[in-house]
Amino acid sequence: MSELESLGANRLHDEIKAGRSVLPLLRDFMRDYGSANVGMLSGALSGSLALIRSAEAAGVTFEIEGRSIGPASGLAVQLTRAFAERDLMGICELTKIVAGSIDGLRSSGAINFDPPKEPEAGPLRVEVVSLPARETSTAVERDEKGNIASSTQIERDRPAV
C-alpha cells in the first residue's frame, strides 16, 4: 500500500470513528481522480471494501433499495474495471454504494475499531506440591569484640543422590 493509499484508509477510519458519513470524504477524494493523488481514493475504497468483506464474513448482507449489492469481491471487480476504463460515472455510482454500505455498518454499530477487552483475571491459585531438598550454609565474621561484623547465608538445591 502506498503512502497516499494509507492516508486515504486512515482518513476513512477517522471519519468512521468520529461517527460521520464517509460519502463526503470519498467525494472529496474523487476530486483527485486522474491526478497523482488518486491513491487516497484508492486507499479509502480498499479500506471500505475490507470492512464490507469482514461484515460479510460475519453474516451481514447488504441491500440498496431492496436489491442485494452482492459480495464485496464483486464490488472490487466493478471498481477495478471502472478505474481501468476511466468510467467516472461508474466510479461515482459504485463509490455511493460503498459509502452507503459503510455508513450502514457504522450506524448499526457493526464496525468497531477498539480491541476486544480481555476479561479481568482474578488472583491465580498457586499450589506448591514439592520442593527439592535444600542445603544451607552460613558464614559469620566477627570483629575483635566478638560482635557479628557480617554474615553470608547461601541456600541451594541439594544434589540428587
N, C-alpha and C. Protein backbone atom coordinates (compact mmCIF):
# COMPACT_ATOMS: atom_id res chain seq x y z
N MET A 1 0.85 -1.17 0.00
CA MET A 1 0.00 0.00 0.00
C MET A 1 0.90 1.23 0.00
N SER A 2 0.61 2.17 -0.89
CA SER A 2 1.42 3.38 -0.98
C SER A 2 1.09 4.33 0.18
N GLU A 3 1.91 5.34 0.31
CA GLU A 3 1.70 6.33 1.37
C GLU A 3 0.35 7.03 1.21
N LEU A 4 -0.02 7.37 -0.03
CA LEU A 4 -1.31 8.02 -0.26
C LEU A 4 -2.48 7.08 0.02
N GLU A 5 -2.32 5.81 -0.34
CA GLU A 5 -3.38 4.83 -0.05
C GLU A 5 -3.55 4.66 1.45
N SER A 6 -2.44 4.61 2.18
CA SER A 6 -2.52 4.52 3.64
C SER A 6 -3.21 5.75 4.23
N LEU A 7 -2.88 6.91 3.69
CA LEU A 7 -3.52 8.14 4.16
C LEU A 7 -5.02 8.09 3.92
N GLY A 8 -5.42 7.63 2.75
CA GLY A 8 -6.85 7.51 2.44
C GLY A 8 -7.56 6.55 3.38
N ALA A 9 -6.94 5.40 3.64
CA ALA A 9 -7.55 4.42 4.54
C ALA A 9 -7.62 4.97 5.97
N ASN A 10 -6.58 5.67 6.40
CA ASN A 10 -6.58 6.25 7.76
C ASN A 10 -7.65 7.32 7.90
N ARG A 11 -7.79 8.16 6.87
CA ARG A 11 -8.84 9.20 6.92
C ARG A 11 -10.22 8.56 6.96
N LEU A 12 -10.41 7.48 6.22
CA LEU A 12 -11.68 6.75 6.25
C LEU A 12 -11.98 6.28 7.67
N HIS A 13 -11.00 5.66 8.31
CA HIS A 13 -11.19 5.17 9.67
C HIS A 13 -11.49 6.31 10.63
N ASP A 14 -10.81 7.45 10.45
CA ASP A 14 -11.07 8.61 11.31
C ASP A 14 -12.52 9.08 11.19
N GLU A 15 -13.03 9.10 9.97
CA GLU A 15 -14.42 9.53 9.77
C GLU A 15 -15.40 8.55 10.43
N ILE A 16 -15.12 7.27 10.28
CA ILE A 16 -16.00 6.26 10.88
C ILE A 16 -15.97 6.37 12.39
N LYS A 17 -14.76 6.48 12.96
CA LYS A 17 -14.62 6.60 14.42
C LYS A 17 -15.34 7.84 14.95
N ALA A 18 -15.32 8.92 14.15
CA ALA A 18 -15.97 10.17 14.57
C ALA A 18 -17.49 10.10 14.39
N GLY A 19 -17.99 9.02 13.80
CA GLY A 19 -19.44 8.86 13.63
C GLY A 19 -20.00 9.65 12.46
N ARG A 20 -19.14 10.01 11.51
CA ARG A 20 -19.60 10.80 10.37
C ARG A 20 -19.76 9.92 9.13
N SER A 21 -20.61 10.34 8.23
CA SER A 21 -20.78 9.67 6.95
C SER A 21 -19.47 9.74 6.17
N VAL A 22 -19.16 8.66 5.45
CA VAL A 22 -17.92 8.64 4.67
C VAL A 22 -18.10 9.18 3.26
N LEU A 23 -19.34 9.39 2.83
CA LEU A 23 -19.57 9.87 1.47
C LEU A 23 -18.90 11.22 1.20
N PRO A 24 -19.00 12.22 2.09
CA PRO A 24 -18.29 13.49 1.80
C PRO A 24 -16.77 13.30 1.65
N LEU A 25 -16.19 12.42 2.44
CA LEU A 25 -14.76 12.17 2.33
C LEU A 25 -14.44 11.55 0.97
N LEU A 26 -15.21 10.54 0.58
CA LEU A 26 -14.96 9.87 -0.70
C LEU A 26 -15.17 10.84 -1.86
N ARG A 27 -16.19 11.69 -1.75
CA ARG A 27 -16.39 12.70 -2.80
C ARG A 27 -15.20 13.66 -2.87
N ASP A 28 -14.69 14.04 -1.71
CA ASP A 28 -13.52 14.92 -1.68
C ASP A 28 -12.33 14.24 -2.36
N PHE A 29 -12.12 12.96 -2.07
CA PHE A 29 -11.02 12.23 -2.70
C PHE A 29 -11.23 12.09 -4.21
N MET A 30 -12.50 12.04 -4.64
CA MET A 30 -12.78 11.88 -6.07
C MET A 30 -12.31 13.09 -6.87
N ARG A 31 -12.15 14.23 -6.22
CA ARG A 31 -11.63 15.41 -6.92
C ARG A 31 -10.23 15.14 -7.47
N ASP A 32 -9.52 14.20 -6.84
CA ASP A 32 -8.16 13.88 -7.27
C ASP A 32 -8.12 12.80 -8.34
N TYR A 33 -9.32 12.37 -8.81
CA TYR A 33 -9.35 11.36 -9.86
C TYR A 33 -8.58 11.88 -11.08
N GLY A 34 -7.72 11.07 -11.61
CA GLY A 34 -6.93 11.46 -12.77
C GLY A 34 -5.64 12.19 -12.42
N SER A 35 -5.40 12.39 -11.12
CA SER A 35 -4.16 13.05 -10.71
C SER A 35 -3.28 12.05 -9.97
N ALA A 36 -2.12 12.51 -9.58
CA ALA A 36 -1.19 11.65 -8.85
C ALA A 36 -1.72 11.32 -7.45
N ASN A 37 -2.71 12.09 -6.96
CA ASN A 37 -3.24 11.88 -5.61
C ASN A 37 -4.41 10.90 -5.56
N VAL A 38 -4.71 10.23 -6.66
CA VAL A 38 -5.84 9.31 -6.69
C VAL A 38 -5.64 8.15 -5.71
N GLY A 39 -4.42 7.98 -5.22
CA GLY A 39 -4.14 6.92 -4.25
C GLY A 39 -4.96 7.05 -2.97
N MET A 40 -5.31 8.28 -2.58
CA MET A 40 -6.13 8.45 -1.37
C MET A 40 -7.51 7.85 -1.57
N LEU A 41 -8.10 8.06 -2.74
CA LEU A 41 -9.40 7.45 -3.05
C LEU A 41 -9.27 5.94 -3.08
N SER A 42 -8.21 5.46 -3.74
CA SER A 42 -7.99 4.02 -3.83
C SER A 42 -7.84 3.39 -2.44
N GLY A 43 -7.07 4.05 -1.56
CA GLY A 43 -6.89 3.51 -0.21
C GLY A 43 -8.17 3.52 0.60
N ALA A 44 -8.96 4.60 0.47
CA ALA A 44 -10.22 4.68 1.21
C ALA A 44 -11.21 3.62 0.70
N LEU A 45 -11.25 3.43 -0.62
CA LEU A 45 -12.15 2.40 -1.17
C LEU A 45 -11.68 1.00 -0.78
N SER A 46 -10.38 0.77 -0.83
CA SER A 46 -9.85 -0.54 -0.42
C SER A 46 -10.16 -0.82 1.05
N GLY A 47 -9.97 0.20 1.89
CA GLY A 47 -10.30 0.05 3.31
C GLY A 47 -11.78 -0.22 3.51
N SER A 48 -12.61 0.46 2.73
CA SER A 48 -14.06 0.24 2.83
C SER A 48 -14.43 -1.18 2.43
N LEU A 49 -13.85 -1.64 1.33
CA LEU A 49 -14.15 -2.99 0.86
C LEU A 49 -13.69 -4.05 1.87
N ALA A 50 -12.57 -3.79 2.53
CA ALA A 50 -12.10 -4.73 3.57
C ALA A 50 -13.11 -4.79 4.72
N LEU A 51 -13.65 -3.65 5.11
CA LEU A 51 -14.66 -3.63 6.18
C LEU A 51 -15.93 -4.35 5.75
N ILE A 52 -16.32 -4.15 4.50
CA ILE A 52 -17.52 -4.83 3.98
C ILE A 52 -17.28 -6.34 3.93
N ARG A 53 -16.08 -6.76 3.50
CA ARG A 53 -15.76 -8.20 3.47
C ARG A 53 -15.83 -8.80 4.87
N SER A 54 -15.30 -8.08 5.86
CA SER A 54 -15.34 -8.57 7.25
C SER A 54 -16.78 -8.71 7.72
N ALA A 55 -17.62 -7.74 7.38
CA ALA A 55 -19.02 -7.81 7.78
C ALA A 55 -19.72 -8.98 7.09
N GLU A 56 -19.40 -9.19 5.81
CA GLU A 56 -19.98 -10.33 5.09
C GLU A 56 -19.59 -11.65 5.73
N ALA A 57 -18.33 -11.74 6.16
CA ALA A 57 -17.86 -12.97 6.81
C ALA A 57 -18.61 -13.22 8.11
N ALA A 58 -19.10 -12.14 8.74
CA ALA A 58 -19.86 -12.27 9.98
C ALA A 58 -21.35 -12.49 9.70
N GLY A 59 -21.73 -12.57 8.41
CA GLY A 59 -23.11 -12.87 8.05
C GLY A 59 -23.96 -11.66 7.67
N VAL A 60 -23.36 -10.48 7.56
CA VAL A 60 -24.11 -9.28 7.18
C VAL A 60 -24.34 -9.30 5.67
N THR A 61 -25.57 -8.97 5.25
CA THR A 61 -25.86 -8.82 3.82
C THR A 61 -26.21 -7.35 3.57
N PHE A 62 -25.98 -6.91 2.37
CA PHE A 62 -26.16 -5.50 2.01
C PHE A 62 -27.20 -5.37 0.91
N GLU A 63 -28.13 -4.45 1.13
CA GLU A 63 -29.14 -4.15 0.13
C GLU A 63 -29.27 -2.65 -0.02
N ILE A 64 -29.51 -2.22 -1.23
CA ILE A 64 -29.82 -0.82 -1.50
C ILE A 64 -31.10 -0.83 -2.32
N GLU A 65 -32.10 -0.13 -1.80
CA GLU A 65 -33.42 -0.07 -2.43
C GLU A 65 -33.96 -1.48 -2.70
N GLY A 66 -33.80 -2.36 -1.71
CA GLY A 66 -34.33 -3.71 -1.82
C GLY A 66 -33.53 -4.66 -2.69
N ARG A 67 -32.41 -4.19 -3.25
CA ARG A 67 -31.57 -5.02 -4.11
C ARG A 67 -30.28 -5.36 -3.38
N SER A 68 -29.88 -6.60 -3.46
CA SER A 68 -28.60 -7.00 -2.89
C SER A 68 -27.49 -6.37 -3.71
N ILE A 69 -26.48 -5.85 -3.02
CA ILE A 69 -25.36 -5.25 -3.76
C ILE A 69 -24.33 -6.30 -4.13
N GLY A 70 -24.54 -7.53 -3.67
CA GLY A 70 -23.60 -8.59 -4.00
C GLY A 70 -22.39 -8.56 -3.09
N PRO A 71 -21.49 -9.50 -3.29
CA PRO A 71 -20.32 -9.57 -2.40
C PRO A 71 -19.33 -8.44 -2.64
N ALA A 72 -18.55 -8.16 -1.63
CA ALA A 72 -17.52 -7.11 -1.73
C ALA A 72 -16.55 -7.42 -2.86
N SER A 73 -16.29 -8.69 -3.09
CA SER A 73 -15.37 -9.03 -4.18
C SER A 73 -15.94 -8.58 -5.53
N GLY A 74 -17.26 -8.67 -5.69
CA GLY A 74 -17.89 -8.19 -6.92
C GLY A 74 -17.77 -6.68 -7.06
N LEU A 75 -17.96 -5.96 -5.94
CA LEU A 75 -17.77 -4.51 -5.96
C LEU A 75 -16.34 -4.16 -6.32
N ALA A 76 -15.39 -4.91 -5.78
CA ALA A 76 -13.98 -4.64 -6.06
C ALA A 76 -13.69 -4.82 -7.54
N VAL A 77 -14.25 -5.86 -8.15
CA VAL A 77 -14.05 -6.10 -9.58
C VAL A 77 -14.67 -4.96 -10.39
N GLN A 78 -15.87 -4.56 -10.02
CA GLN A 78 -16.54 -3.47 -10.76
C GLN A 78 -15.75 -2.16 -10.64
N LEU A 79 -15.26 -1.87 -9.43
CA LEU A 79 -14.46 -0.65 -9.25
C LEU A 79 -13.17 -0.71 -10.06
N THR A 80 -12.52 -1.86 -10.05
CA THR A 80 -11.28 -2.02 -10.82
C THR A 80 -11.53 -1.78 -12.30
N ARG A 81 -12.63 -2.35 -12.81
CA ARG A 81 -12.97 -2.16 -14.22
C ARG A 81 -13.29 -0.69 -14.52
N ALA A 82 -14.03 -0.06 -13.61
CA ALA A 82 -14.39 1.35 -13.82
C ALA A 82 -13.14 2.23 -13.84
N PHE A 83 -12.20 1.96 -12.96
CA PHE A 83 -10.95 2.73 -12.96
C PHE A 83 -10.16 2.46 -14.25
N ALA A 84 -10.08 1.19 -14.66
CA ALA A 84 -9.32 0.84 -15.86
C ALA A 84 -9.93 1.48 -17.10
N GLU A 85 -11.26 1.57 -17.13
CA GLU A 85 -11.95 2.14 -18.29
C GLU A 85 -12.13 3.65 -18.17
N ARG A 86 -11.62 4.21 -17.07
CA ARG A 86 -11.75 5.66 -16.81
C ARG A 86 -13.23 6.09 -16.85
N ASP A 87 -14.07 5.23 -16.27
CA ASP A 87 -15.51 5.45 -16.25
C ASP A 87 -15.86 6.20 -14.97
N LEU A 88 -15.79 7.53 -15.02
CA LEU A 88 -16.01 8.35 -13.84
C LEU A 88 -17.43 8.18 -13.29
N MET A 89 -18.41 8.07 -14.17
CA MET A 89 -19.80 7.88 -13.70
C MET A 89 -19.93 6.55 -12.96
N GLY A 90 -19.31 5.51 -13.50
CA GLY A 90 -19.35 4.21 -12.83
C GLY A 90 -18.66 4.26 -11.47
N ILE A 91 -17.52 4.95 -11.43
CA ILE A 91 -16.80 5.09 -10.15
C ILE A 91 -17.67 5.84 -9.15
N CYS A 92 -18.35 6.89 -9.58
CA CYS A 92 -19.22 7.66 -8.69
C CYS A 92 -20.35 6.80 -8.15
N GLU A 93 -21.01 6.04 -9.02
CA GLU A 93 -22.12 5.19 -8.58
C GLU A 93 -21.64 4.11 -7.60
N LEU A 94 -20.53 3.47 -7.93
CA LEU A 94 -20.01 2.42 -7.05
C LEU A 94 -19.53 3.01 -5.72
N THR A 95 -18.95 4.20 -5.75
CA THR A 95 -18.49 4.86 -4.53
C THR A 95 -19.68 5.16 -3.63
N LYS A 96 -20.83 5.58 -4.21
CA LYS A 96 -22.03 5.82 -3.41
C LYS A 96 -22.52 4.53 -2.75
N ILE A 97 -22.43 3.43 -3.47
CA ILE A 97 -22.84 2.13 -2.92
C ILE A 97 -21.92 1.74 -1.76
N VAL A 98 -20.62 1.90 -1.96
CA VAL A 98 -19.65 1.57 -0.91
C VAL A 98 -19.88 2.46 0.31
N ALA A 99 -20.05 3.76 0.08
CA ALA A 99 -20.27 4.70 1.19
C ALA A 99 -21.55 4.36 1.95
N GLY A 100 -22.62 4.04 1.21
CA GLY A 100 -23.87 3.66 1.87
C GLY A 100 -23.71 2.41 2.72
N SER A 101 -22.94 1.46 2.21
CA SER A 101 -22.70 0.23 2.98
C SER A 101 -21.91 0.51 4.25
N ILE A 102 -20.87 1.32 4.14
CA ILE A 102 -20.05 1.66 5.30
C ILE A 102 -20.86 2.46 6.31
N ASP A 103 -21.65 3.43 5.83
CA ASP A 103 -22.46 4.22 6.74
C ASP A 103 -23.50 3.35 7.45
N GLY A 104 -24.05 2.38 6.74
CA GLY A 104 -24.98 1.45 7.38
C GLY A 104 -24.31 0.62 8.46
N LEU A 105 -23.11 0.15 8.17
CA LEU A 105 -22.36 -0.62 9.18
C LEU A 105 -22.03 0.26 10.38
N ARG A 106 -21.60 1.50 10.11
CA ARG A 106 -21.24 2.41 11.19
C ARG A 106 -22.44 2.70 12.08
N SER A 107 -23.57 3.05 11.46
CA SER A 107 -24.74 3.44 12.25
C SER A 107 -25.33 2.26 13.02
N SER A 108 -25.11 1.05 12.54
CA SER A 108 -25.63 -0.13 13.26
C SER A 108 -24.68 -0.60 14.35
N GLY A 109 -23.49 0.01 14.40
CA GLY A 109 -22.51 -0.40 15.40
C GLY A 109 -21.72 -1.63 15.01
N ALA A 110 -21.84 -2.04 13.74
CA ALA A 110 -21.14 -3.26 13.29
C ALA A 110 -19.65 -3.04 13.06
N ILE A 111 -19.21 -1.79 12.99
CA ILE A 111 -17.79 -1.50 12.83
C ILE A 111 -17.25 -1.07 14.18
N ASN A 112 -16.24 -1.78 14.65
CA ASN A 112 -15.64 -1.45 15.94
C ASN A 112 -14.13 -1.55 15.81
N PHE A 113 -13.46 -0.42 15.99
CA PHE A 113 -12.00 -0.40 15.88
C PHE A 113 -11.31 -0.63 17.22
N ASP A 114 -12.09 -0.68 18.31
CA ASP A 114 -11.49 -0.89 19.62
C ASP A 114 -11.11 -2.36 19.78
N PRO A 115 -9.91 -2.64 20.30
CA PRO A 115 -9.56 -4.04 20.51
C PRO A 115 -10.47 -4.65 21.56
N PRO A 116 -10.78 -5.93 21.43
CA PRO A 116 -11.66 -6.57 22.41
C PRO A 116 -11.03 -6.50 23.80
N LYS A 117 -11.88 -6.27 24.78
CA LYS A 117 -11.40 -6.21 26.16
C LYS A 117 -11.19 -7.62 26.67
N GLU A 118 -10.04 -7.80 27.30
CA GLU A 118 -9.75 -9.10 27.87
C GLU A 118 -10.44 -9.19 29.22
N PRO A 119 -10.95 -10.36 29.55
CA PRO A 119 -11.62 -10.49 30.85
C PRO A 119 -10.62 -10.24 31.97
N GLU A 120 -11.14 -9.59 33.01
CA GLU A 120 -10.27 -9.32 34.15
C GLU A 120 -10.02 -10.63 34.88
N ALA A 121 -8.75 -10.89 35.10
CA ALA A 121 -8.37 -12.13 35.79
C ALA A 121 -8.23 -11.84 37.27
N GLY A 122 -8.76 -12.73 38.05
CA GLY A 122 -8.60 -12.61 39.50
C GLY A 122 -7.26 -13.19 39.90
N PRO A 123 -7.03 -13.27 41.19
CA PRO A 123 -5.76 -13.85 41.64
C PRO A 123 -5.66 -15.32 41.23
N LEU A 124 -4.48 -15.72 40.86
CA LEU A 124 -4.24 -17.10 40.48
C LEU A 124 -3.93 -17.92 41.72
N ARG A 125 -4.47 -19.10 41.76
CA ARG A 125 -4.18 -20.00 42.89
C ARG A 125 -2.91 -20.76 42.54
N VAL A 126 -1.93 -20.68 43.40
CA VAL A 126 -0.67 -21.38 43.19
C VAL A 126 -0.52 -22.40 44.31
N GLU A 127 -0.23 -23.63 43.93
CA GLU A 127 -0.05 -24.69 44.92
C GLU A 127 1.31 -25.33 44.69
N VAL A 128 2.15 -25.28 45.71
CA VAL A 128 3.46 -25.90 45.63
C VAL A 128 3.28 -27.35 46.09
N VAL A 129 3.58 -28.27 45.21
CA VAL A 129 3.37 -29.68 45.54
C VAL A 129 4.64 -30.36 46.03
N SER A 130 5.79 -29.85 45.66
CA SER A 130 7.03 -30.40 46.19
C SER A 130 8.18 -29.46 45.88
N LEU A 131 9.19 -29.52 46.71
CA LEU A 131 10.42 -28.76 46.51
C LEU A 131 11.59 -29.72 46.63
N PRO A 132 12.66 -29.46 45.92
CA PRO A 132 13.83 -30.34 46.07
C PRO A 132 14.46 -30.13 47.46
N ALA A 133 15.20 -31.10 47.86
CA ALA A 133 15.91 -30.97 49.14
C ALA A 133 16.85 -29.77 49.05
N ARG A 134 16.93 -29.00 50.14
CA ARG A 134 17.74 -27.78 50.15
C ARG A 134 18.91 -27.95 51.10
N GLU A 135 19.96 -27.20 50.83
CA GLU A 135 21.15 -27.20 51.67
C GLU A 135 21.50 -25.73 51.96
N THR A 136 21.71 -25.40 53.22
CA THR A 136 22.02 -24.02 53.60
C THR A 136 23.38 -24.00 54.28
N SER A 137 24.21 -23.05 53.88
CA SER A 137 25.49 -22.87 54.58
C SER A 137 25.59 -21.39 54.98
N THR A 138 26.12 -21.16 56.19
CA THR A 138 26.21 -19.81 56.72
C THR A 138 27.64 -19.54 57.16
N ALA A 139 28.14 -18.37 56.80
CA ALA A 139 29.47 -17.94 57.24
C ALA A 139 29.28 -16.66 58.04
N VAL A 140 29.84 -16.63 59.27
CA VAL A 140 29.71 -15.46 60.14
C VAL A 140 31.11 -14.93 60.43
N GLU A 141 31.27 -13.63 60.23
CA GLU A 141 32.54 -12.97 60.58
C GLU A 141 32.29 -12.06 61.79
N ARG A 142 33.20 -12.13 62.73
CA ARG A 142 33.06 -11.32 63.94
C ARG A 142 34.22 -10.33 64.04
N ASP A 143 33.94 -9.21 64.72
CA ASP A 143 35.01 -8.22 64.95
C ASP A 143 35.82 -8.63 66.18
N GLU A 144 36.81 -7.80 66.58
CA GLU A 144 37.69 -8.13 67.70
C GLU A 144 36.95 -8.22 69.04
N LYS A 145 35.76 -7.64 69.14
CA LYS A 145 34.99 -7.70 70.39
C LYS A 145 34.06 -8.92 70.41
N GLY A 146 34.02 -9.67 69.31
CA GLY A 146 33.15 -10.85 69.26
C GLY A 146 31.77 -10.56 68.69
N ASN A 147 31.55 -9.31 68.28
CA ASN A 147 30.24 -8.97 67.67
C ASN A 147 30.23 -9.42 66.21
N ILE A 148 29.04 -9.72 65.71
CA ILE A 148 28.92 -10.12 64.31
C ILE A 148 29.17 -8.90 63.43
N ALA A 149 30.17 -9.00 62.58
CA ALA A 149 30.51 -7.92 61.65
C ALA A 149 29.77 -8.12 60.32
N SER A 150 29.66 -9.37 59.87
CA SER A 150 28.92 -9.68 58.65
C SER A 150 28.57 -11.15 58.66
N SER A 151 27.56 -11.48 57.88
CA SER A 151 27.20 -12.89 57.73
C SER A 151 26.73 -13.11 56.31
N THR A 152 26.97 -14.28 55.80
CA THR A 152 26.55 -14.66 54.46
C THR A 152 25.87 -16.01 54.57
N GLN A 153 24.68 -16.08 53.99
CA GLN A 153 23.96 -17.34 54.01
C GLN A 153 23.63 -17.71 52.56
N ILE A 154 23.95 -18.92 52.18
CA ILE A 154 23.71 -19.41 50.82
C ILE A 154 22.82 -20.64 50.92
N GLU A 155 21.77 -20.63 50.09
CA GLU A 155 20.86 -21.77 50.06
C GLU A 155 20.81 -22.28 48.63
N ARG A 156 20.90 -23.59 48.46
CA ARG A 156 20.88 -24.18 47.13
C ARG A 156 20.21 -25.54 47.18
N ASP A 157 19.85 -26.01 45.99
CA ASP A 157 19.27 -27.36 45.90
C ASP A 157 20.36 -28.37 46.23
N ARG A 158 19.97 -29.37 47.02
CA ARG A 158 20.90 -30.43 47.33
C ARG A 158 21.02 -31.34 46.11
N PRO A 159 22.23 -31.69 45.74
CA PRO A 159 22.38 -32.57 44.56
C PRO A 159 21.65 -33.90 44.77
N ALA A 160 21.05 -34.38 43.71
CA ALA A 160 20.33 -35.66 43.79
C ALA A 160 21.33 -36.78 43.95
N VAL A 161 20.98 -37.70 44.78
CA VAL A 161 21.87 -38.82 45.08
C VAL A 161 21.48 -40.04 44.30
